[in-house]
Amino acid sequence: MNRSRTTVKSTTPAPLASVLTGVLKTLKKGGRPSLEEMGEVWQRLVGEEGAQHSWPNRLMGRKLVVEVENSGWMYMLGLRKTELLEGLVELLGASRVRALVLRIGEKQQRETSRGPLEKHA
């Protein structure tokens, strides 16, 4: 019997630092976004003025809760809710955000933590 052998070329292993960097980027994309990241994305979607009157408060599962300063801003952002959700999904990915909830809130309730958005009960 004549068996042919396939030779596998040996490649030089990639440096550990580059492998870890790639892994961390991949994990971060699927992880919970930080409040800072959400604030930056939100400002990009609603503009500077809109971000002064509304802010991401928390992420419950894949539902982003955004607090809005008053009913006027609630109405204006409500008209754009579908567009805003599409922008969130495009910028953050559907695995991170799938729904958007707007609610009236007070600015002093805004969290200053820069860590991941916490799940509130």
PDB file of N, CA and C in Angstrom:
ATOM      1  N   MET A   1       0.824  -1.178   0.000  1.00  0.00           N
ATOM      2  CA  MET A   1       0.000   0.000   0.000  1.00  0.00           C
ATOM      3  C   MET A   1       0.873   1.247   0.000  1.00  0.00           C
ATOM      4  N   ASN A   2       0.500   2.171  -0.843  1.00  0.00           N
ATOM      5  CA  ASN A   2       1.260   3.397  -0.950  1.00  0.00           C
ATOM      6  C   ASN A   2       0.458   4.550  -0.359  1.00  0.00           C
ATOM      7  N   ARG A   3       0.895   5.041   0.760  1.00  0.00           N
ATOM      8  CA  ARG A   3       0.191   6.160   1.412  1.00  0.00           C
ATOM      9  C   ARG A   3       0.979   7.438   1.177  1.00  0.00           C
ATOM     10  N   SER A   4       0.275   8.439   0.758  1.00  0.00           N
ATOM     11  CA  SER A   4       0.954   9.717   0.585  1.00  0.00           C
ATOM     12  C   SER A   4       0.809  10.531   1.869  1.00  0.00           C
ATOM     13  N   ARG A   5       1.857  11.170   2.196  1.00  0.00           N
ATOM     14  CA  ARG A   5       1.847  11.998   3.394  1.00  0.00           C
ATOM     15  C   ARG A   5       1.757  13.454   2.992  1.00  0.00           C
ATOM     16  N   THR A   6       0.928  14.162   3.729  1.00  0.00           N
ATOM     17  CA  THR A   6       0.825  15.597   3.514  1.00  0.00           C
ATOM     18  C   THR A   6       1.737  16.275   4.511  1.00  0.00           C
ATOM     19  N   THR A   7       2.569  17.122   3.995  1.00  0.00           N
ATOM     20  CA  THR A   7       3.457  17.830   4.915  1.00  0.00           C
ATOM     21  C   THR A   7       2.807  19.154   5.306  1.00  0.00           C
ATOM     22  N   VAL A   8       2.903  19.434   6.569  1.00  0.00           N
ATOM     23  CA  VAL A   8       2.361  20.692   7.093  1.00  0.00           C
ATOM     24  C   VAL A   8       3.534  21.607   7.359  1.00  0.00           C
ATOM     25  N   LYS A   9       3.458  22.793   6.765  1.00  0.00           N
ATOM     26  CA  LYS A   9       4.541  23.743   6.965  1.00  0.00           C
ATOM     27  C   LYS A   9       4.427  24.345   8.356  1.00  0.00           C
ATOM     28  N   SER A  10       5.502  24.420   9.021  1.00  0.00           N
ATOM     29  CA  SER A  10       5.548  25.011  10.348  1.00  0.00           C
ATOM     30  C   SER A  10       5.635  26.525  10.200  1.00  0.00           C
ATOM     31  N   THR A  11       4.792  27.207  10.908  1.00  0.00           N
ATOM     32  CA  THR A  11       4.836  28.668  10.882  1.00  0.00           C
ATOM     33  C   THR A  11       5.400  29.158  12.208  1.00  0.00           C
ATOM     34  N   THR A  12       5.976  30.303  12.163  1.00  0.00           N
ATOM     35  CA  THR A  12       6.514  30.896  13.381  1.00  0.00           C
ATOM     36  C   THR A  12       5.341  31.341  14.249  1.00  0.00           C
ATOM     37  N   PRO A  13       5.325  30.963  15.500  1.00  0.00           N
ATOM     38  CA  PRO A  13       4.222  31.365  16.372  1.00  0.00           C
ATOM     39  C   PRO A  13       4.152  32.882  16.504  1.00  0.00           C
ATOM     40  N   ALA A  14       2.937  33.383  16.625  1.00  0.00           N
ATOM     41  CA  ALA A  14       2.747  34.823  16.810  1.00  0.00           C
ATOM     42  C   ALA A  14       3.169  35.197  18.227  1.00  0.00           C
ATOM     43  N   PRO A  15       3.675  36.393  18.397  1.00  0.00           N
ATOM     44  CA  PRO A  15       4.046  36.835  19.741  1.00  0.00           C
ATOM     45  C   PRO A  15       2.811  36.831  20.661  1.00  0.00           C
ATOM     46  N   LEU A  16       3.015  36.447  21.903  1.00  0.00           N
ATOM     47  CA  LEU A  16       1.928  36.342  22.866  1.00  0.00           C
ATOM     48  C   LEU A  16       1.175  37.662  23.004  1.00  0.00           C
ATOM     49  N   ALA A  17       1.878  38.772  22.993  1.00  0.00           N
ATOM     50  CA  ALA A  17       1.239  40.077  23.155  1.00  0.00           C
ATOM     51  C   ALA A  17       0.213  40.335  22.056  1.00  0.00           C
ATOM     52  N   SER A  18       0.534  39.988  20.820  1.00  0.00           N
ATOM     53  CA  SER A  18      -0.409  40.232  19.727  1.00  0.00           C
ATOM     54  C   SER A  18      -1.609  39.302  19.820  1.00  0.00           C
ATOM     55  N   VAL A  19      -1.388  38.079  20.273  1.00  0.00           N
ATOM     56  CA  VAL A  19      -2.490  37.132  20.442  1.00  0.00           C
ATOM     57  C   VAL A  19      -3.435  37.634  21.534  1.00  0.00           C
ATOM     58  N   LEU A  20      -2.864  38.041  22.670  1.00  0.00           N
ATOM     59  CA  LEU A  20      -3.691  38.525  23.781  1.00  0.00           C
ATOM     60  C   LEU A  20      -4.455  39.792  23.412  1.00  0.00           C
ATOM     61  N   THR A  21      -3.822  40.677  22.660  1.00  0.00           N
ATOM     62  CA  THR A  21      -4.497  41.900  22.229  1.00  0.00           C
ATOM     63  C   THR A  21      -5.717  41.555  21.389  1.00  0.00           C
ATOM     64  N   GLY A  22      -5.566  40.623  20.466  1.00  0.00           N
ATOM     65  CA  GLY A  22      -6.692  40.204  19.632  1.00  0.00           C
ATOM     66  C   GLY A  22      -7.801  39.556  20.437  1.00  0.00           C
ATOM     67  N   VAL A  23      -7.430  38.712  21.379  1.00  0.00           N
ATOM     68  CA  VAL A  23      -8.422  38.046  22.226  1.00  0.00           C
ATOM     69  C   VAL A  23      -9.177  39.064  23.064  1.00  0.00           C
ATOM     70  N   LEU A  24      -8.457  40.015  23.664  1.00  0.00           N
ATOM     71  CA  LEU A  24      -9.099  41.024  24.501  1.00  0.00           C
ATOM     72  C   LEU A  24     -10.054  41.893  23.696  1.00  0.00           C
ATOM     73  N   LYS A  25      -9.680  42.256  22.482  1.00  0.00           N
ATOM     74  CA  LYS A  25     -10.574  43.044  21.628  1.00  0.00           C
ATOM     75  C   LYS A  25     -11.848  42.267  21.325  1.00  0.00           C
ATOM     76  N   THR A  26     -11.695  40.987  21.029  1.00  0.00           N
ATOM     77  CA  THR A  26     -12.851  40.146  20.730  1.00  0.00           C
ATOM     78  C   THR A  26     -13.754  40.021  21.947  1.00  0.00           C
ATOM     79  N   LEU A  27     -13.170  39.790  23.116  1.00  0.00           N
ATOM     80  CA  LEU A  27     -13.971  39.670  24.330  1.00  0.00           C
ATOM     81  C   LEU A  27     -14.662  40.972  24.680  1.00  0.00           C
ATOM     82  N   LYS A  28     -13.984  42.083  24.515  1.00  0.00           N
ATOM     83  CA  LYS A  28     -14.567  43.378  24.855  1.00  0.00           C
ATOM     84  C   LYS A  28     -15.792  43.671  23.995  1.00  0.00           C
ATOM     85  N   LYS A  29     -15.733  43.333  22.729  1.00  0.00           N
ATOM     86  CA  LYS A  29     -16.869  43.584  21.839  1.00  0.00           C
ATOM     87  C   LYS A  29     -18.126  42.866  22.315  1.00  0.00           C
ATOM     88  N   GLY A  30     -17.978  41.711  22.925  1.00  0.00           N
ATOM     89  CA  GLY A  30     -19.131  40.960  23.380  1.00  0.00           C
ATOM     90  C   GLY A  30     -19.480  41.232  24.828  1.00  0.00           C
ATOM     91  N   GLY A  31     -18.618  41.956  25.547  1.00  0.00           N
ATOM     92  CA  GLY A  31     -18.844  42.232  26.961  1.00  0.00           C
ATOM     93  C   GLY A  31     -19.763  43.425  27.170  1.00  0.00           C
ATOM     94  N   ARG A  32     -19.996  43.718  28.430  1.00  0.00           N
ATOM     95  CA  ARG A  32     -20.841  44.865  28.767  1.00  0.00           C
ATOM     96  C   ARG A  32     -20.089  46.154  28.492  1.00  0.00           C
ATOM     97  N   PRO A  33     -20.710  47.085  27.796  1.00  0.00           N
ATOM     98  CA  PRO A  33     -20.042  48.357  27.528  1.00  0.00           C
ATOM     99  C   PRO A  33     -19.939  49.181  28.804  1.00  0.00           C
ATOM    100  N   SER A  34     -18.907  49.988  28.917  1.00  0.00           N
ATOM    101  CA  SER A  34     -18.757  50.871  30.071  1.00  0.00           C
ATOM    102  C   SER A  34     -19.693  52.063  29.907  1.00  0.00           C
ATOM    103  N   LEU A  35     -19.958  52.732  31.017  1.00  0.00           N
ATOM    104  CA  LEU A  35     -20.795  53.927  30.984  1.00  0.00           C
ATOM    105  C   LEU A  35     -20.154  54.993  30.106  1.00  0.00           C
ATOM    106  N   GLU A  36     -18.842  55.094  30.169  1.00  0.00           N
ATOM    107  CA  GLU A  36     -18.125  56.058  29.336  1.00  0.00           C
ATOM    108  C   GLU A  36     -18.332  55.745  27.846  1.00  0.00           C
ATOM    109  N   GLU A  37     -18.200  54.481  27.487  1.00  0.00           N
ATOM    110  CA  GLU A  37     -18.396  54.073  26.092  1.00  0.00           C
ATOM    111  C   GLU A  37     -19.825  54.378  25.637  1.00  0.00           C
ATOM    112  N   MET A  38     -20.799  54.047  26.490  1.00  0.00           N
ATOM    113  CA  MET A  38     -22.193  54.313  26.133  1.00  0.00           C
ATOM    114  C   MET A  38     -22.446  55.809  25.978  1.00  0.00           C
ATOM    115  N   GLY A  39     -21.854  56.613  26.864  1.00  0.00           N
ATOM    116  CA  GLY A  39     -22.005  58.066  26.775  1.00  0.00           C
ATOM    117  C   GLY A  39     -21.447  58.621  25.481  1.00  0.00           C
ATOM    118  N   GLU A  40     -20.290  58.105  25.070  1.00  0.00           N
ATOM    119  CA  GLU A  40     -19.678  58.553  23.815  1.00  0.00           C
ATOM    120  C   GLU A  40     -20.539  58.171  22.616  1.00  0.00           C
ATOM    121  N   VAL A  41     -21.030  56.949  22.615  1.00  0.00           N
ATOM    122  CA  VAL A  41     -21.879  56.493  21.514  1.00  0.00           C
ATOM    123  C   VAL A  41     -23.175  57.292  21.497  1.00  0.00           C
ATOM    124  N   TRP A  42     -23.765  57.502  22.674  1.00  0.00           N
ATOM    125  CA  TRP A  42     -25.021  58.249  22.757  1.00  0.00           C
ATOM    126  C   TRP A  42     -24.840  59.670  22.226  1.00  0.00           C
ATOM    127  N   GLN A  43     -23.750  60.341  22.629  1.00  0.00           N
ATOM    128  CA  GLN A  43     -23.501  61.704  22.153  1.00  0.00           C
ATOM    129  C   GLN A  43     -23.323  61.722  20.638  1.00  0.00           C
ATOM    130  N   ARG A  44     -22.667  60.726  20.120  1.00  0.00           N
ATOM    131  CA  ARG A  44     -22.475  60.634  18.668  1.00  0.00           C
ATOM    132  C   ARG A  44     -23.818  60.533  17.941  1.00  0.00           C
ATOM    133  N   LEU A  45     -24.776  59.828  18.565  1.00  0.00           N
ATOM    134  CA  LEU A  45     -26.079  59.632  17.929  1.00  0.00           C
ATOM    135  C   LEU A  45     -27.012  60.826  18.092  1.00  0.00           C
ATOM    136  N   VAL A  46     -27.001  61.462  19.263  1.00  0.00           N
ATOM    137  CA  VAL A  46     -27.970  62.542  19.525  1.00  0.00           C
ATOM    138  C   VAL A  46     -27.352  63.932  19.447  1.00  0.00           C
ATOM    139  N   GLY A  47     -26.043  64.003  19.291  1.00  0.00           N
ATOM    140  CA  GLY A  47     -25.375  65.291  19.232  1.00  0.00           C
ATOM    141  C   GLY A  47     -25.079  65.829  20.623  1.00  0.00           C
ATOM    142  N   GLU A  48     -24.272  66.874  20.666  1.00  0.00           N
ATOM    143  CA  GLU A  48     -23.845  67.438  21.951  1.00  0.00           C
ATOM    144  C   GLU A  48     -25.019  67.964  22.759  1.00  0.00           C
ATOM    145  N   GLU A  49     -25.919  68.677  22.107  1.00  0.00           N
ATOM    146  CA  GLU A  49     -27.069  69.236  22.830  1.00  0.00           C
ATOM    147  C   GLU A  49     -27.977  68.136  23.364  1.00  0.00           C
ATOM    148  N   GLY A  50     -28.239  67.120  22.536  1.00  0.00           N
ATOM    149  CA  GLY A  50     -29.077  66.014  22.982  1.00  0.00           C
ATOM    150  C   GLY A  50     -28.455  65.274  24.152  1.00  0.00           C
ATOM    151  N   ALA A  51     -27.123  65.145  24.141  1.00  0.00           N
ATOM    152  CA  ALA A  51     -26.419  64.450  25.228  1.00  0.00           C
ATOM    153  C   ALA A  51     -26.427  65.262  26.518  1.00  0.00           C
ATOM    154  N   GLN A  52     -26.614  66.579  26.420  1.00  0.00           N
ATOM    155  CA  GLN A  52     -26.720  67.406  27.618  1.00  0.00           C
ATOM    156  C   GLN A  52     -28.072  67.214  28.306  1.00  0.00           C
ATOM    157  N   HIS A  53     -29.056  66.753  27.554  1.00  0.00           N
ATOM    158  CA  HIS A  53     -30.421  66.611  28.082  1.00  0.00           C
ATOM    159  C   HIS A  53     -30.860  65.156  28.236  1.00  0.00           C
ATOM    160  N   SER A  54     -29.986  64.225  27.869  1.00  0.00           N
ATOM    161  CA  SER A  54     -30.297  62.797  28.010  1.00  0.00           C
ATOM    162  C   SER A  54     -28.992  62.041  28.195  1.00  0.00           C
ATOM    163  N   TRP A  55     -29.046  60.925  28.898  1.00  0.00           N
ATOM    164  CA  TRP A  55     -27.832  60.179  29.201  1.00  0.00           C
ATOM    165  C   TRP A  55     -28.153  58.719  29.474  1.00  0.00           C
ATOM    166  N   PRO A  56     -27.270  57.818  29.058  1.00  0.00           N
ATOM    167  CA  PRO A  56     -27.451  56.394  29.377  1.00  0.00           C
ATOM    168  C   PRO A  56     -27.386  56.201  30.889  1.00  0.00           C
ATOM    169  N   ASN A  57     -28.332  55.456  31.433  1.00  0.00           N
ATOM    170  CA  ASN A  57     -28.376  55.222  32.872  1.00  0.00           C
ATOM    171  C   ASN A  57     -27.915  53.826  33.241  1.00  0.00           C
ATOM    172  N   ARG A  58     -28.417  52.822  32.516  1.00  0.00           N
ATOM    173  CA  ARG A  58     -28.022  51.437  32.800  1.00  0.00           C
ATOM    174  C   ARG A  58     -28.393  50.533  31.638  1.00  0.00           C
ATOM    175  N   LEU A  59     -27.797  49.369  31.664  1.00  0.00           N
ATOM    176  CA  LEU A  59     -28.073  48.349  30.672  1.00  0.00           C
ATOM    177  C   LEU A  59     -28.648  47.152  31.416  1.00  0.00           C
ATOM    178  N   MET A  60     -29.890  46.799  31.101  1.00  0.00           N
ATOM    179  CA  MET A  60     -30.552  45.651  31.717  1.00  0.00           C
ATOM    180  C   MET A  60     -30.642  44.567  30.652  1.00  0.00           C
ATOM    181  N   GLY A  61     -29.768  43.570  30.785  1.00  0.00           N
ATOM    182  CA  GLY A  61     -29.669  42.581  29.713  1.00  0.00           C
ATOM    183  C   GLY A  61     -29.131  43.290  28.483  1.00  0.00           C
ATOM    184  N   ARG A  62     -29.948  43.338  27.440  1.00  0.00           N
ATOM    185  CA  ARG A  62     -29.562  44.065  26.220  1.00  0.00           C
ATOM    186  C   ARG A  62     -30.472  45.269  25.988  1.00  0.00           C
ATOM    187  N   LYS A  63     -31.130  45.713  27.052  1.00  0.00           N
ATOM    188  CA  LYS A  63     -32.021  46.875  26.982  1.00  0.00           C
ATOM    189  C   LYS A  63     -31.320  48.077  27.614  1.00  0.00           C
ATOM    190  N   LEU A  64     -31.065  49.114  26.810  1.00  0.00           N
ATOM    191  CA  LEU A  64     -30.425  50.323  27.302  1.00  0.00           C
ATOM    192  C   LEU A  64     -31.500  51.274  27.822  1.00  0.00           C
ATOM    193  N   VAL A  65     -31.345  51.694  29.078  1.00  0.00           N
ATOM    194  CA  VAL A  65     -32.255  52.664  29.682  1.00  0.00           C
ATOM    195  C   VAL A  65     -31.569  54.018  29.636  1.00  0.00           C
ATOM    196  N   VAL A  66     -32.217  54.967  28.968  1.00  0.00           N
ATOM    197  CA  VAL A  66     -31.688  56.324  28.836  1.00  0.00           C
ATOM    198  C   VAL A  66     -32.616  57.262  29.586  1.00  0.00           C
ATOM    199  N   GLU A  67     -32.034  58.078  30.459  1.00  0.00           N
ATOM    200  CA  GLU A  67     -32.819  59.067  31.184  1.00  0.00           C
ATOM    201  C   GLU A  67     -32.811  60.366  30.399  1.00  0.00           C
ATOM    202  N   VAL A  68     -33.960  61.021  30.403  1.00  0.00           N
ATOM    203  CA  VAL A  68     -34.172  62.244  29.639  1.00  0.00           C
ATOM    204  C   VAL A  68     -34.610  63.327  30.615  1.00  0.00           C
ATOM    205  N   GLU A  69     -34.114  64.533  30.418  1.00  0.00           N
ATOM    206  CA  GLU A  69     -34.315  65.635  31.352  1.00  0.00           C
ATOM    207  C   GLU A  69     -35.774  66.071  31.511  1.00  0.00           C
ATOM    208  N   ASN A  70     -36.515  66.118  30.409  1.00  0.00           N
ATOM    209  CA  ASN A  70     -37.901  66.597  30.506  1.00  0.00           C
ATOM    210  C   ASN A  70     -38.752  66.009  29.383  1.00  0.00           C
ATOM    211  N   SER A  71     -40.046  66.293  29.435  1.00  0.00           N
ATOM    212  CA  SER A  71     -40.970  65.694  28.464  1.00  0.00           C
ATOM    213  C   SER A  71     -40.735  66.189  27.041  1.00  0.00           C
ATOM    214  N   GLY A  72     -40.236  67.410  26.886  1.00  0.00           N
ATOM    215  CA  GLY A  72     -39.935  67.915  25.545  1.00  0.00           C
ATOM    216  C   GLY A  72     -38.848  67.085  24.872  1.00  0.00           C
ATOM    217  N   TRP A  73     -37.777  66.817  25.604  1.00  0.00           N
ATOM    218  CA  TRP A  73     -36.708  65.983  25.065  1.00  0.00           C
ATOM    219  C   TRP A  73     -37.169  64.538  24.914  1.00  0.00           C
ATOM    220  N   MET A  74     -38.016  64.095  25.818  1.00  0.00           N
ATOM    221  CA  MET A  74     -38.559  62.730  25.705  1.00  0.00           C
ATOM    222  C   MET A  74     -39.319  62.603  24.380  1.00  0.00           C
ATOM    223  N   TYR A  75     -40.127  63.596  24.056  1.00  0.00           N
ATOM    224  CA  TYR A  75     -40.891  63.567  22.813  1.00  0.00           C
ATOM    225  C   TYR A  75     -39.957  63.573  21.598  1.00  0.00           C
ATOM    226  N   MET A  76     -38.972  64.483  21.610  1.00  0.00           N
ATOM    227  CA  MET A  76     -38.060  64.601  20.461  1.00  0.00           C
ATOM    228  C   MET A  76     -37.260  63.314  20.246  1.00  0.00           C
ATOM    229  N   LEU A  77     -36.739  62.755  21.321  1.00  0.00           N
ATOM    230  CA  LEU A  77     -35.962  61.518  21.188  1.00  0.00           C
ATOM    231  C   LEU A  77     -36.867  60.331  20.870  1.00  0.00           C
ATOM    232  N   GLY A  78     -38.086  60.366  21.386  1.00  0.00           N
ATOM    233  CA  GLY A  78     -39.049  59.302  21.086  1.00  0.00           C
ATOM    234  C   GLY A  78     -39.352  59.212  19.598  1.00  0.00           C
ATOM    235  N   LEU A  79     -39.404  60.367  18.929  1.00  0.00           N
ATOM    236  CA  LEU A  79     -39.629  60.380  17.484  1.00  0.00           C
ATOM    237  C   LEU A  79     -38.475  59.711  16.730  1.00  0.00           C
ATOM    238  N   ARG A  80     -37.296  59.728  17.324  1.00  0.00           N
ATOM    239  CA  ARG A  80     -36.099  59.160  16.686  1.00  0.00           C
ATOM    240  C   ARG A  80     -35.713  57.800  17.260  1.00  0.00           C
ATOM    241  N   LYS A  81     -36.568  57.214  18.091  1.00  0.00           N
ATOM    242  CA  LYS A  81     -36.213  56.001  18.826  1.00  0.00           C
ATOM    243  C   LYS A  81     -35.729  54.871  17.910  1.00  0.00           C
ATOM    244  N   THR A  82     -36.430  54.615  16.818  1.00  0.00           N
ATOM    245  CA  THR A  82     -36.026  53.546  15.898  1.00  0.00           C
ATOM    246  C   THR A  82     -34.661  53.840  15.303  1.00  0.00           C
ATOM    247  N   GLU A  83     -34.467  55.069  14.872  1.00  0.00           N
ATOM    248  CA  GLU A  83     -33.178  55.484  14.303  1.00  0.00           C
ATOM    249  C   GLU A  83     -32.057  55.362  15.341  1.00  0.00           C
ATOM    250  N   LEU A  84     -32.340  55.771  16.575  1.00  0.00           N
ATOM    251  CA  LEU A  84     -31.336  55.700  17.639  1.00  0.00           C
ATOM    252  C   LEU A  84     -30.967  54.254  17.954  1.00  0.00           C
ATOM    253  N   LEU A  85     -31.964  53.383  18.021  1.00  0.00           N
ATOM    254  CA  LEU A  85     -31.702  51.970  18.290  1.00  0.00           C
ATOM    255  C   LEU A  85     -30.869  51.356  17.154  1.00  0.00           C
ATOM    256  N   GLU A  86     -31.202  51.682  15.929  1.00  0.00           N
ATOM    257  CA  GLU A  86     -30.418  51.181  14.794  1.00  0.00           C
ATOM    258  C   GLU A  86     -28.970  51.644  14.894  1.00  0.00           C
ATOM    259  N   GLY A  87     -28.760  52.896  15.308  1.00  0.00           N
ATOM    260  CA  GLY A  87     -27.408  53.425  15.480  1.00  0.00           C
ATOM    261  C   GLY A  87     -26.659  52.710  16.597  1.00  0.00           C
ATOM    262  N   LEU A  88     -27.355  52.438  17.706  1.00  0.00           N
ATOM    263  CA  LEU A  88     -26.738  51.708  18.819  1.00  0.00           C
ATOM    264  C   LEU A  88     -26.313  50.312  18.380  1.00  0.00           C
ATOM    265  N   VAL A  89     -27.196  49.646  17.642  1.00  0.00           N
ATOM    266  CA  VAL A  89     -26.885  48.290  17.164  1.00  0.00           C
ATOM    267  C   VAL A  89     -25.712  48.336  16.197  1.00  0.00           C
ATOM    268  N   GLU A  90     -25.692  49.329  15.331  1.00  0.00           N
ATOM    269  CA  GLU A  90     -24.602  49.446  14.354  1.00  0.00           C
ATOM    270  C   GLU A  90     -23.259  49.722  15.041  1.00  0.00           C
ATOM    271  N   LEU A  91     -23.268  50.610  16.032  1.00  0.00           N
ATOM    272  CA  LEU A  91     -22.015  51.002  16.677  1.00  0.00           C
ATOM    273  C   LEU A  91     -21.548  50.024  17.752  1.00  0.00           C
ATOM    274  N   LEU A  92     -22.494  49.357  18.418  1.00  0.00           N
ATOM    275  CA  LEU A  92     -22.126  48.470  19.524  1.00  0.00           C
ATOM    276  C   LEU A  92     -22.346  46.995  19.234  1.00  0.00           C
ATOM    277  N   GLY A  93     -23.226  46.706  18.283  1.00  0.00           N
ATOM    278  CA  GLY A  93     -23.527  45.316  17.958  1.00  0.00           C
ATOM    279  C   GLY A  93     -24.810  44.842  18.624  1.00  0.00           C
ATOM    280  N   ALA A  94     -25.546  44.003  17.924  1.00  0.00           N
ATOM    281  CA  ALA A  94     -26.822  43.488  18.438  1.00  0.00           C
ATOM    282  C   ALA A  94     -26.620  42.587  19.643  1.00  0.00           C
ATOM    283  N   SER A  95     -25.422  42.042  19.794  1.00  0.00           N
ATOM    284  CA  SER A  95     -25.172  41.177  20.954  1.00  0.00           C
ATOM    285  C   SER A  95     -25.070  41.991  22.237  1.00  0.00           C
ATOM    286  N   ARG A  96     -24.955  43.319  22.110  1.00  0.00           N
ATOM    287  CA  ARG A  96     -24.813  44.171  23.293  1.00  0.00           C
ATOM    288  C   ARG A  96     -26.074  44.982  23.576  1.00  0.00           C
ATOM    289  N   VAL A  97     -26.751  45.462  22.541  1.00  0.00           N
ATOM    290  CA  VAL A  97     -27.957  46.286  22.724  1.00  0.00           C
ATOM    291  C   VAL A  97     -28.995  45.861  21.710  1.00  0.00           C
ATOM    292  N   ARG A  98     -30.203  45.577  22.194  1.00  0.00           N
ATOM    293  CA  ARG A  98     -31.306  45.208  21.298  1.00  0.00           C
ATOM    294  C   ARG A  98     -32.554  46.038  21.516  1.00  0.00           C
ATOM    295  N   ALA A  99     -32.608  46.791  22.621  1.00  0.00           N
ATOM    296  CA  ALA A  99     -33.797  47.593  22.919  1.00  0.00           C
ATOM    297  C   ALA A  99     -33.374  48.902  23.575  1.00  0.00           C
ATOM    298  N   LEU A 100     -34.222  49.912  23.428  1.00  0.00           N
ATOM    299  CA  LEU A 100     -33.963  51.236  23.983  1.00  0.00           C
ATOM    300  C   LEU A 100     -35.202  51.696  24.739  1.00  0.00           C
ATOM    301  N   VAL A 101     -35.000  52.108  25.982  1.00  0.00           N
ATOM    302  CA  VAL A 101     -36.087  52.630  26.812  1.00  0.00           C
ATOM    303  C   VAL A 101     -35.727  54.049  27.213  1.00  0.00           C
ATOM    304  N   LEU A 102     -36.642  54.984  26.981  1.00  0.00           N
ATOM    305  CA  LEU A 102     -36.446  56.374  27.387  1.00  0.00           C
ATOM    306  C   LEU A 102     -37.342  56.640  28.587  1.00  0.00           C
ATOM    307  N   ARG A 103     -36.812  57.339  29.593  1.00  0.00           N
ATOM    308  CA  ARG A 103     -37.631  57.692  30.747  1.00  0.00           C
ATOM    309  C   ARG A 103     -37.148  59.013  31.323  1.00  0.00           C
ATOM    310  N   ILE A 104     -38.061  59.718  31.962  1.00  0.00           N
ATOM    311  CA  ILE A 104     -37.726  60.994  32.581  1.00  0.00           C
ATOM    312  C   ILE A 104     -36.847  60.726  33.801  1.00  0.00           C
ATOM    313  N   GLY A 105     -35.797  61.497  33.945  1.00  0.00           N
ATOM    314  CA  GLY A 105     -34.895  61.350  35.080  1.00  0.00           C
ATOM    315  C   GLY A 105     -34.266  62.689  35.422  1.00  0.00           C
ATOM    316  N   GLU A 106     -33.596  62.727  36.544  1.00  0.00           N
ATOM    317  CA  GLU A 106     -32.924  63.947  36.978  1.00  0.00           C
ATOM    318  C   GLU A 106     -31.427  63.815  36.774  1.00  0.00           C
ATOM    319  N   LYS A 107     -30.805  64.921  36.402  1.00  0.00           N
ATOM    320  CA  LYS A 107     -29.389  64.903  36.077  1.00  0.00           C
ATOM    321  C   LYS A 107     -28.510  64.455  37.235  1.00  0.00           C
ATOM    322  N   GLN A 108     -28.864  64.768  38.476  1.00  0.00           N
ATOM    323  CA  GLN A 108     -28.016  64.358  39.594  1.00  0.00           C
ATOM    324  C   GLN A 108     -28.042  62.853  39.805  1.00  0.00           C
ATOM    325  N   GLN A 109     -28.967  62.129  39.170  1.00  0.00           N
ATOM    326  CA  GLN A 109     -28.992  60.674  39.256  1.00  0.00           C
ATOM    327  C   GLN A 109     -27.970  60.043  38.331  1.00  0.00           C
ATOM    328  N   ARG A 110     -27.389  60.838  37.483  1.00  0.00           N
ATOM    329  CA  ARG A 110     -26.413  60.345  36.517  1.00  0.00           C
ATOM    330  C   ARG A 110     -25.209  59.763  37.248  1.00  0.00           C
ATOM    331  N   GLU A 111     -24.849  58.532  36.901  1.00  0.00           N
ATOM    332  CA  GLU A 111     -23.721  57.868  37.547  1.00  0.00           C
ATOM    333  C   GLU A 111     -22.418  58.415  36.994  1.00  0.00           C
ATOM    334  N   THR A 112     -21.397  58.476  37.838  1.00  0.00           N
ATOM    335  CA  THR A 112     -20.106  58.984  37.388  1.00  0.00           C
ATOM    336  C   THR A 112     -19.092  57.876  37.211  1.00  0.00           C
ATOM    337  N   SER A 113     -19.466  56.644  37.507  1.00  0.00           N
ATOM    338  CA  SER A 113     -18.556  55.507  37.365  1.00  0.00           C
ATOM    339  C   SER A 113     -18.146  55.331  35.914  1.00  0.00           C
ATOM    340  N   ARG A 114     -16.914  54.905  35.707  1.00  0.00           N
ATOM    341  CA  ARG A 114     -16.450  54.637  34.353  1.00  0.00           C
ATOM    342  C   ARG A 114     -16.370  53.150  34.084  1.00  0.00           C
ATOM    343  N   GLY A 115     -16.874  52.334  34.999  1.00  0.00           N
ATOM    344  CA  GLY A 115     -16.859  50.887  34.817  1.00  0.00           C
ATOM    345  C   GLY A 115     -18.039  50.437  33.990  1.00  0.00           C
ATOM    346  N   PRO A 116     -18.221  49.121  33.849  1.00  0.00           N
ATOM    347  CA  PRO A 116     -19.356  48.611  33.082  1.00  0.00           C
ATOM    348  C   PRO A 116     -20.677  49.069  33.680  1.00  0.00           C
ATOM    349  N   LEU A 117     -21.659  49.279  32.821  1.00  0.00           N
ATOM    350  CA  LEU A 117     -22.978  49.645  33.295  1.00  0.00           C
ATOM    351  C   LEU A 117     -23.506  48.500  34.144  1.00  0.00           C
ATOM    352  N   GLU A 118     -23.963  48.822  35.315  1.00  0.00           N
ATOM    353  CA  GLU A 118     -24.414  47.780  36.212  1.00  0.00           C
ATOM    354  C   GLU A 118     -25.884  47.476  36.009  1.00  0.00           C
ATOM    355  N   LYS A 119     -26.240  46.247  36.257  1.00  0.00           N
ATOM    356  CA  LYS A 119     -27.616  45.813  36.178  1.00  0.00           C
ATOM    357  C   LYS A 119     -28.283  46.178  37.493  1.00  0.00           C
ATOM    358  N   HIS A 120     -29.320  46.999  37.437  1.00  0.00           N
ATOM    359  CA  HIS A 120     -30.054  47.391  38.635  1.00  0.00           C
ATOM    360  C   HIS A 120     -31.327  46.578  38.736  1.00  0.00           C
ATOM    361  N   ALA A 121     -31.718  46.304  39.955  1.00  0.00           N
ATOM    362  CA  ALA A 121     -32.950  45.519  40.158  1.00  0.00           C
ATOM    363  C   ALA A 121     -34.158  46.405  40.048  1.00  0.00           C
TER     364      ALA A 121
END
